[in-house]
């Protein structure tokens, strides 16, 4: 149990750094090109993808134990497929949050429009939390050495 807690903490640090990279790229693209839904989706894609590369190298070095029975190409392929599913989940959740904001008057006007102003950020934070749990569980099941 102690080992699992340490692993979750390491995963949290690596994930936190990955999030900062992801969020910085996401925010920078939106700041430069506007907040149209297409731009938000593109920003989410690039932020997620660049942070994914960082996350693969750091999590396989510091968090998860390599399975010697799985070659590195297969390991990266499994990691990439799981991450693509995570990316799809990330995009769907962000766009879902934006759709909710578009259809709920309170979210548009509440707190003097403050929620509306930060809807993209709120969507990104929500999606990141869900995808983080998904990532840990699937990597633990499909990538890490068993036993």
Protein backbone atom coordinates (compact mmCIF):
# COMPACT_ATOMS: atom_id res chain seq x y z
CA UNK A 1 0.00 0.00 0.00
CA UNK A 2 2.86 2.35 0.87
CA UNK A 3 4.43 1.62 -2.54
CA UNK A 4 1.16 2.48 -4.31
CA UNK A 5 0.86 5.76 -2.40
CA UNK A 6 4.43 6.72 -3.38
CA UNK A 7 3.67 5.82 -6.98
CA UNK A 8 0.50 7.91 -6.97
CA UNK A 9 2.46 10.86 -5.52
CA UNK A 10 5.14 10.52 -8.22
CA UNK A 11 2.40 10.25 -10.83
CA UNK A 12 0.89 13.42 -9.38
CA UNK A 13 4.18 15.32 -9.68
CA UNK A 14 4.78 14.14 -13.26
CA UNK A 15 1.13 14.77 -14.09
CA UNK A 16 1.29 18.21 -12.49
CA UNK A 17 4.31 19.18 -14.59
CA UNK A 18 2.62 17.75 -17.68
CA UNK A 19 -0.50 19.75 -16.85
CA UNK A 20 1.53 22.95 -16.56
CA UNK A 21 3.02 22.33 -20.00
CA UNK A 22 -0.39 21.41 -21.43
CA UNK A 23 -2.18 24.35 -19.81
CA UNK A 24 0.50 26.88 -20.79
CA UNK A 25 0.33 25.84 -24.45
CA UNK A 26 -3.49 25.71 -24.36
CA UNK A 27 -3.74 29.17 -22.80
CA UNK A 28 -1.10 30.69 -25.08
CA UNK A 29 -2.83 29.47 -28.27
CA UNK A 30 -6.21 30.80 -27.08
CA UNK A 31 -4.61 34.12 -26.06
CA UNK A 32 -2.98 34.47 -29.50
CA UNK A 33 -5.78 33.18 -31.74
CA UNK A 34 -9.04 33.74 -29.82
CA UNK A 35 -11.54 31.47 -28.11
CA UNK A 36 -13.64 30.14 -30.99
CA UNK A 37 -14.57 26.51 -30.37
CA UNK A 38 -12.30 25.34 -33.20
CA UNK A 39 -9.38 27.27 -31.72
CA UNK A 40 -10.09 25.81 -28.28
CA UNK A 41 -10.11 22.28 -29.73
CA UNK A 42 -6.82 22.92 -31.58
CA UNK A 43 -5.28 24.44 -28.44
CA UNK A 44 -6.37 21.41 -26.42
CA UNK A 45 -4.88 19.07 -29.02
CA UNK A 46 -1.46 20.74 -29.11
CA UNK A 47 -1.23 21.24 -25.36
CA UNK A 48 -2.19 17.64 -24.72
CA UNK A 49 0.13 16.19 -27.38
CA UNK A 50 3.25 18.10 -26.32
CA UNK A 51 2.65 17.33 -22.66
CA UNK A 52 2.06 13.66 -23.60
CA UNK A 53 5.58 13.34 -24.99
CA UNK A 54 7.02 14.85 -21.81
CA UNK A 55 4.74 12.63 -19.72
CA UNK A 56 5.80 9.41 -21.48
CA UNK A 57 9.49 9.92 -20.85
CA UNK A 58 9.15 11.12 -17.27
CA UNK A 59 6.50 8.64 -16.15
CA UNK A 60 8.37 5.67 -17.62
CA UNK A 61 11.55 6.88 -15.91
CA UNK A 62 10.16 7.86 -12.51
CA UNK A 63 6.67 6.38 -12.00
CA UNK A 64 6.04 3.05 -13.72
CA UNK A 65 8.26 -0.03 -13.86
CA UNK A 66 9.07 -1.18 -17.39
CA UNK A 67 7.81 -4.62 -18.29
CA UNK A 68 10.87 -6.46 -19.63
CA UNK A 69 8.55 -8.73 -21.65
CA UNK A 70 7.28 -5.74 -23.64
CA UNK A 71 9.64 -4.10 -26.10
CA UNK A 72 9.86 -0.30 -26.04
CA UNK A 73 8.12 0.12 -29.41
CA UNK A 74 5.13 -1.89 -28.19
CA UNK A 75 5.21 -0.04 -24.86
CA UNK A 76 5.16 3.33 -26.60
CA UNK A 77 2.42 2.15 -28.96
CA UNK A 78 0.23 1.05 -26.03
CA UNK A 79 1.02 4.32 -24.23
CA UNK A 80 0.15 6.30 -27.37
CA UNK A 81 -3.14 4.42 -27.97
CA UNK A 82 -4.19 4.89 -24.35
CA UNK A 83 -3.21 8.54 -24.63
CA UNK A 84 -5.18 9.01 -27.85
CA UNK A 85 -8.22 7.69 -26.03
CA UNK A 86 -7.37 10.16 -23.25
CA UNK A 87 -7.05 12.93 -25.83
CA UNK A 88 -10.48 12.10 -27.26
CA UNK A 89 -11.90 12.08 -23.74
CA UNK A 90 -10.15 15.41 -23.05
CA UNK A 91 -11.61 17.03 -26.18
CA UNK A 92 -15.11 15.64 -25.58
CA UNK A 93 -15.15 16.83 -21.98
CA UNK A 94 -13.90 20.34 -22.80
CA UNK A 95 -16.40 20.76 -25.63
CA UNK A 96 -19.10 19.27 -23.40
CA UNK A 97 -18.41 21.85 -20.70
CA UNK A 98 -18.56 24.62 -23.32
CA UNK A 99 -21.89 23.25 -24.56
CA UNK A 100 -23.26 23.29 -21.02
CA UNK A 101 -22.12 26.91 -20.65
CA UNK A 102 -23.84 27.78 -23.94
CA UNK A 103 -27.16 26.35 -22.70
CA UNK A 104 -27.30 27.29 -19.01
CA UNK A 105 -28.16 30.94 -18.40
CA UNK A 106 -26.84 30.93 -14.83
CA UNK A 107 -23.40 29.88 -16.06
CA UNK A 108 -23.44 32.71 -18.59
CA UNK A 109 -24.52 35.39 -16.11
CA UNK A 110 -23.55 33.99 -12.71
CA UNK A 111 -21.01 35.83 -10.61
CA UNK A 112 -21.29 38.84 -12.95
CA UNK A 113 -20.19 36.76 -15.94
CA UNK A 114 -17.01 35.54 -14.25
CA UNK A 115 -17.80 31.86 -14.90
CA UNK A 116 -18.51 32.64 -18.57
CA UNK A 117 -15.24 34.52 -18.89
CA UNK A 118 -13.26 31.47 -17.70
CA UNK A 119 -15.37 28.71 -19.26
CA UNK A 120 -12.49 27.37 -21.38
CA UNK A 121 -10.24 27.24 -18.32
CA UNK A 122 -12.91 25.54 -16.22
CA UNK A 123 -13.49 23.01 -19.01
CA UNK A 124 -9.77 22.29 -19.23
CA UNK A 125 -9.39 21.81 -15.48
CA UNK A 126 -12.40 19.46 -15.31
CA UNK A 127 -11.21 17.42 -18.31
CA UNK A 128 -7.69 17.20 -16.91
CA UNK A 129 -8.93 15.73 -13.63
CA UNK A 130 -10.99 13.05 -15.35
CA UNK A 131 -8.24 12.16 -17.84
CA UNK A 132 -5.63 12.00 -15.07
CA UNK A 133 -7.57 9.26 -13.28
CA UNK A 134 -8.09 7.43 -16.58
CA UNK A 135 -4.35 7.68 -17.39
CA UNK A 136 -3.17 6.29 -14.07
CA UNK A 137 -5.55 3.34 -14.10
CA UNK A 138 -4.93 2.36 -17.73
CA UNK A 139 -1.15 2.73 -17.53
CA UNK A 140 -1.07 0.70 -14.35
CA UNK A 141 -3.12 -2.06 -16.03
CA UNK A 142 -1.63 -2.12 -19.54
CA UNK A 143 1.95 -0.83 -19.29
CA UNK A 144 3.46 -1.43 -15.89
CA UNK A 145 5.28 -4.66 -15.11
CA UNK A 146 2.99 -7.04 -13.23
CA UNK A 147 3.95 -8.51 -9.89
